[in-house]
N, C-alpha and C. Protein backbone atom coordinates (compact mmCIF):
# COMPACT_ATOMS: atom_id res chain seq x y z
N UNK A 1 -186.70 109.75 -281.35
CA UNK A 1 -186.30 110.16 -282.85
C UNK A 1 -185.02 110.00 -282.96
N UNK A 2 -184.42 109.68 -284.37
CA UNK A 2 -183.20 109.01 -283.86
C UNK A 2 -182.48 110.21 -284.87
N UNK A 3 -180.93 110.03 -284.29
CA UNK A 3 -180.39 110.86 -285.33
C UNK A 3 -180.16 111.10 -286.42
N UNK A 4 -180.17 112.10 -286.87
CA UNK A 4 -179.32 111.94 -288.51
C UNK A 4 -178.06 111.99 -289.57
N UNK A 5 -177.23 112.36 -288.31
CA UNK A 5 -175.77 112.69 -288.62
C UNK A 5 -175.40 111.58 -287.46
N UNK A 6 -173.69 110.73 -287.75
CA UNK A 6 -173.23 109.99 -286.25
C UNK A 6 -172.79 110.79 -285.27
N UNK A 7 -172.09 109.95 -284.43
CA UNK A 7 -171.99 110.96 -283.30
C UNK A 7 -170.66 111.72 -283.21
N UNK A 8 -169.93 111.52 -283.93
CA UNK A 8 -168.04 111.90 -284.75
C UNK A 8 -168.76 113.25 -285.30
N UNK A 9 -169.30 112.90 -286.26
CA UNK A 9 -169.63 114.48 -287.21
C UNK A 9 -170.48 115.23 -286.54
N UNK A 10 -171.27 114.79 -285.80
CA UNK A 10 -172.35 116.00 -284.53
C UNK A 10 -171.22 116.27 -284.22
N UNK A 11 -170.51 116.02 -282.95
CA UNK A 11 -169.60 116.32 -282.19
C UNK A 11 -168.34 117.35 -282.90
N UNK A 12 -168.07 116.98 -284.11
CA UNK A 12 -166.96 117.58 -284.30
C UNK A 12 -167.60 119.41 -285.51
N UNK A 13 -168.86 118.77 -285.48
CA UNK A 13 -169.38 120.00 -286.79
C UNK A 13 -169.41 120.57 -285.10
N UNK A 14 -170.16 120.27 -283.94
CA UNK A 14 -170.05 121.50 -282.64
C UNK A 14 -169.10 122.34 -282.72
N UNK A 15 -167.66 121.73 -282.22
CA UNK A 15 -166.34 122.00 -282.57
C UNK A 15 -165.94 123.47 -283.38
N UNK A 16 -166.08 122.62 -284.41
CA UNK A 16 -165.61 123.59 -285.37
C UNK A 16 -166.80 124.66 -285.85
N UNK A 17 -168.03 124.67 -285.42
CA UNK A 17 -168.94 125.85 -285.65
C UNK A 17 -168.49 126.84 -284.56
N UNK A 18 -168.21 126.49 -283.22
CA UNK A 18 -167.75 127.15 -282.55
C UNK A 18 -166.68 127.90 -282.36
N UNK A 19 -165.87 127.45 -282.66
CA UNK A 19 -164.44 128.06 -283.16
C UNK A 19 -164.60 129.05 -284.74
N UNK A 20 -165.12 128.74 -285.75
CA UNK A 20 -165.93 129.17 -286.71
C UNK A 20 -166.91 130.95 -286.33
N UNK A 21 -167.34 130.45 -285.10
CA UNK A 21 -168.12 131.66 -284.84
C UNK A 21 -167.65 132.72 -283.34
N UNK A 22 -165.68 132.20 -282.93
CA UNK A 22 -165.39 133.19 -282.14
C UNK A 22 -164.41 133.60 -283.49
N UNK A 23 -164.13 133.50 -284.53
CA UNK A 23 -163.02 134.00 -285.34
C UNK A 23 -164.14 134.94 -286.15
N UNK A 24 -165.22 134.38 -286.81
CA UNK A 24 -165.64 135.02 -287.39
C UNK A 24 -166.19 136.65 -286.59
N UNK A 25 -166.54 136.16 -285.70
CA UNK A 25 -167.45 137.60 -284.71
C UNK A 25 -165.97 138.44 -284.55
N UNK A 26 -165.02 138.01 -284.50
CA UNK A 26 -163.42 139.05 -284.25
C UNK A 26 -163.22 139.90 -285.53
N UNK A 27 -163.22 138.85 -286.51
CA UNK A 27 -163.21 139.63 -287.60
C UNK A 27 -163.80 140.49 -288.23
N UNK A 28 -165.16 140.37 -288.04
CA UNK A 28 -166.50 141.53 -288.53
C UNK A 28 -166.14 142.22 -287.57
N UNK A 29 -165.96 142.47 -286.38
CA UNK A 29 -165.97 143.21 -285.49
C UNK A 29 -164.66 144.43 -285.90
N UNK A 30 -163.81 143.69 -286.17
CA UNK A 30 -162.59 144.49 -286.81
C UNK A 30 -163.04 145.21 -287.87
N UNK A 31 -163.67 144.54 -288.95
CA UNK A 31 -163.79 144.97 -290.39
C UNK A 31 -165.20 146.69 -289.96
N UNK A 32 -165.70 145.87 -288.76
CA UNK A 32 -166.75 146.76 -288.28
C UNK A 32 -166.52 148.15 -288.06
N UNK A 33 -165.62 148.15 -287.15
CA UNK A 33 -164.78 149.21 -286.00
C UNK A 33 -163.83 150.21 -287.10
N UNK A 34 -163.74 149.08 -288.75
CA UNK A 34 -162.53 149.92 -289.58
C UNK A 34 -160.73 149.59 -288.98
N UNK A 35 -160.68 148.89 -288.71
CA UNK A 35 -159.06 148.89 -288.06
C UNK A 35 -158.11 148.72 -289.23
N UNK A 36 -157.35 149.46 -288.81
CA UNK A 36 -156.12 149.93 -290.35
C UNK A 36 -155.84 148.95 -290.82
N UNK A 37 -155.75 147.55 -290.09
CA UNK A 37 -155.29 146.58 -290.85
C UNK A 37 -155.94 145.68 -291.97
N UNK A 38 -157.40 146.26 -291.31
CA UNK A 38 -158.23 145.84 -292.62
C UNK A 38 -159.22 146.82 -293.57
N UNK A 39 -158.55 148.03 -293.46
CA UNK A 39 -159.48 148.94 -293.91
C UNK A 39 -158.47 149.51 -295.60
N UNK A 40 -157.35 149.22 -295.63
CA UNK A 40 -156.67 148.94 -296.25
C UNK A 40 -156.13 150.00 -296.41
N UNK A 41 -155.78 150.84 -297.84
CA UNK A 41 -155.29 152.16 -297.97
C UNK A 41 -156.14 153.22 -298.11
N UNK A 42 -155.65 154.90 -298.66
CA UNK A 42 -156.44 155.60 -298.44
C UNK A 42 -157.54 155.46 -299.96
N UNK A 43 -156.59 154.95 -301.00
CA UNK A 43 -157.44 154.53 -302.53
C UNK A 43 -158.50 153.62 -302.18
N UNK A 44 -158.17 152.70 -301.28
CA UNK A 44 -159.19 151.61 -301.37
C UNK A 44 -160.91 151.85 -300.81
N UNK A 45 -161.68 151.31 -301.66
CA UNK A 45 -163.17 151.71 -301.12
C UNK A 45 -163.25 151.37 -299.73
N UNK A 46 -164.24 152.34 -299.41
CA UNK A 46 -164.75 151.86 -297.41
C UNK A 46 -165.97 150.86 -297.81
N UNK A 47 -165.57 149.64 -297.92
CA UNK A 47 -167.22 149.23 -297.34
C UNK A 47 -166.53 148.07 -296.50
N UNK A 48 -166.29 148.25 -295.30
CA UNK A 48 -165.68 147.39 -293.74
C UNK A 48 -167.56 147.07 -293.51
N UNK A 49 -168.31 148.12 -293.31
CA UNK A 49 -169.66 147.84 -292.87
C UNK A 49 -169.90 146.71 -293.87
N UNK A 50 -170.23 146.78 -294.91
CA UNK A 50 -170.90 145.90 -296.33
C UNK A 50 -170.17 144.21 -295.83
N UNK A 51 -168.78 144.25 -295.46
CA UNK A 51 -167.81 143.35 -295.33
C UNK A 51 -168.14 142.82 -293.76
N UNK A 52 -168.57 143.78 -292.97
CA UNK A 52 -168.54 142.95 -291.33
C UNK A 52 -170.17 142.49 -291.81
N UNK A 53 -171.08 142.85 -292.59
CA UNK A 53 -172.41 142.59 -292.59
C UNK A 53 -172.70 141.12 -292.87
N UNK A 54 -171.87 140.64 -294.09
CA UNK A 54 -171.67 139.87 -294.86
C UNK A 54 -171.15 138.71 -293.61
N UNK A 55 -169.89 139.08 -292.61
CA UNK A 55 -169.11 137.83 -291.84
C UNK A 55 -170.10 137.84 -290.94
N UNK A 56 -171.49 138.79 -290.18
CA UNK A 56 -171.75 138.30 -289.38
C UNK A 56 -173.30 137.65 -289.91
N UNK A 57 -173.45 137.41 -291.31
CA UNK A 57 -174.63 136.77 -291.63
C UNK A 57 -173.81 135.24 -291.78
N UNK A 58 -172.33 134.72 -291.75
CA UNK A 58 -172.24 133.37 -291.82
C UNK A 58 -171.91 132.93 -290.40
N UNK A 59 -171.83 134.11 -288.99
CA UNK A 59 -171.70 133.59 -287.96
C UNK A 59 -173.32 133.29 -287.80
N UNK A 60 -174.63 133.62 -288.51
CA UNK A 60 -175.40 133.17 -288.04
C UNK A 60 -175.78 131.73 -288.48
N UNK A 61 -175.17 131.84 -289.65
CA UNK A 61 -175.48 130.09 -290.24
C UNK A 61 -174.94 129.41 -289.44
N UNK A 62 -173.02 129.84 -289.17
CA UNK A 62 -172.43 128.47 -288.40
C UNK A 62 -173.02 128.68 -286.44
N UNK A 63 -174.12 129.60 -286.56
CA UNK A 63 -174.81 129.18 -285.27
C UNK A 63 -175.97 128.51 -285.53
N UNK A 64 -176.35 128.41 -286.60
CA UNK A 64 -177.66 127.53 -286.88
C UNK A 64 -176.97 125.89 -286.72
N UNK A 65 -175.60 125.88 -287.36
CA UNK A 65 -175.11 124.58 -287.38
C UNK A 65 -174.80 123.96 -286.22
N UNK A 66 -174.57 124.88 -285.38
CA UNK A 66 -174.03 124.91 -283.73
C UNK A 66 -175.12 123.83 -283.32
N UNK A 67 -176.26 124.93 -283.43
CA UNK A 67 -177.92 123.87 -282.66
C UNK A 67 -178.33 122.86 -283.15
N UNK A 68 -178.24 122.44 -284.56
CA UNK A 68 -178.23 121.55 -284.81
C UNK A 68 -177.35 120.28 -284.77
N UNK A 69 -176.49 120.55 -284.65
CA UNK A 69 -175.04 119.81 -284.39
C UNK A 69 -175.09 119.00 -283.27
N UNK A 70 -174.96 120.20 -282.34
CA UNK A 70 -175.04 119.73 -280.67
C UNK A 70 -176.55 119.28 -279.99
N UNK A 71 -177.94 119.52 -281.21
CA UNK A 71 -178.99 118.57 -281.09
C UNK A 71 -179.02 117.47 -281.50
N UNK A 72 -177.66 116.89 -282.80
CA UNK A 72 -177.93 115.64 -282.64
C UNK A 72 -176.72 114.84 -281.91
N UNK A 73 -176.13 115.63 -281.59
CA UNK A 73 -175.13 114.80 -280.41
C UNK A 73 -175.67 114.46 -279.53
N UNK A 74 -176.61 115.26 -278.67
CA UNK A 74 -177.64 114.89 -277.23
C UNK A 74 -178.38 114.08 -277.94
N UNK A 75 -179.16 113.86 -278.97
CA UNK A 75 -179.68 112.43 -279.14
C UNK A 75 -179.16 111.06 -279.54
N UNK A 76 -177.81 111.33 -279.56
CA UNK A 76 -176.61 110.38 -279.24
C UNK A 76 -176.41 109.64 -277.90
N UNK A 77 -176.60 110.75 -277.20
CA UNK A 77 -176.02 110.57 -275.61
C UNK A 77 -177.34 110.14 -275.68
N UNK A 78 -178.78 110.39 -275.54
CA UNK A 78 -179.94 110.30 -275.29
C UNK A 78 -179.87 108.29 -275.07
N UNK A 79 -179.65 107.83 -276.98
CA UNK A 79 -179.95 106.90 -277.37
C UNK A 79 -178.91 106.10 -276.90
N UNK A 80 -177.42 106.33 -276.22
CA UNK A 80 -176.83 105.53 -275.87
C UNK A 80 -176.96 105.21 -274.42
N UNK A 81 -177.66 105.92 -273.75
CA UNK A 81 -178.14 105.98 -271.78
C UNK A 81 -179.37 104.65 -272.29
N UNK A 82 -179.91 104.65 -272.77
CA UNK A 82 -181.26 103.23 -273.33
C UNK A 82 -180.31 102.07 -273.77
N UNK A 83 -179.37 102.07 -274.03
CA UNK A 83 -178.79 100.67 -274.47
C UNK A 83 -178.85 100.27 -275.71
N UNK A 84 -179.14 101.44 -276.67
CA UNK A 84 -178.80 100.98 -278.16
C UNK A 84 -177.42 100.29 -278.14
N UNK A 85 -177.33 99.86 -279.38
CA UNK A 85 -176.72 99.00 -280.07
C UNK A 85 -176.22 99.95 -281.23
N UNK A 86 -174.76 100.24 -281.55
CA UNK A 86 -174.29 101.01 -282.27
C UNK A 86 -173.79 100.10 -283.13
N UNK A 87 -174.35 100.30 -284.65
CA UNK A 87 -173.69 99.33 -285.58
C UNK A 87 -172.70 99.96 -286.61
């Protein structure tokens, strides 16, 4: 099987996805618990749980990116071990 994306793009995607998962998970947890910095004032609507759900969907999307790009990077490593020439 041949990689779809380049090695640099695959490993960059892995790093960016890992950071995004960590940061968005923290933000989602803060919205879900109703942290006072994110909940707003008394007149603001209480929709922290809905926002947290949307953020966690984004975490799932980034996890899929992490898996796909990680597999692409591993394909590049496997191809390099075989002595393939990169153009």
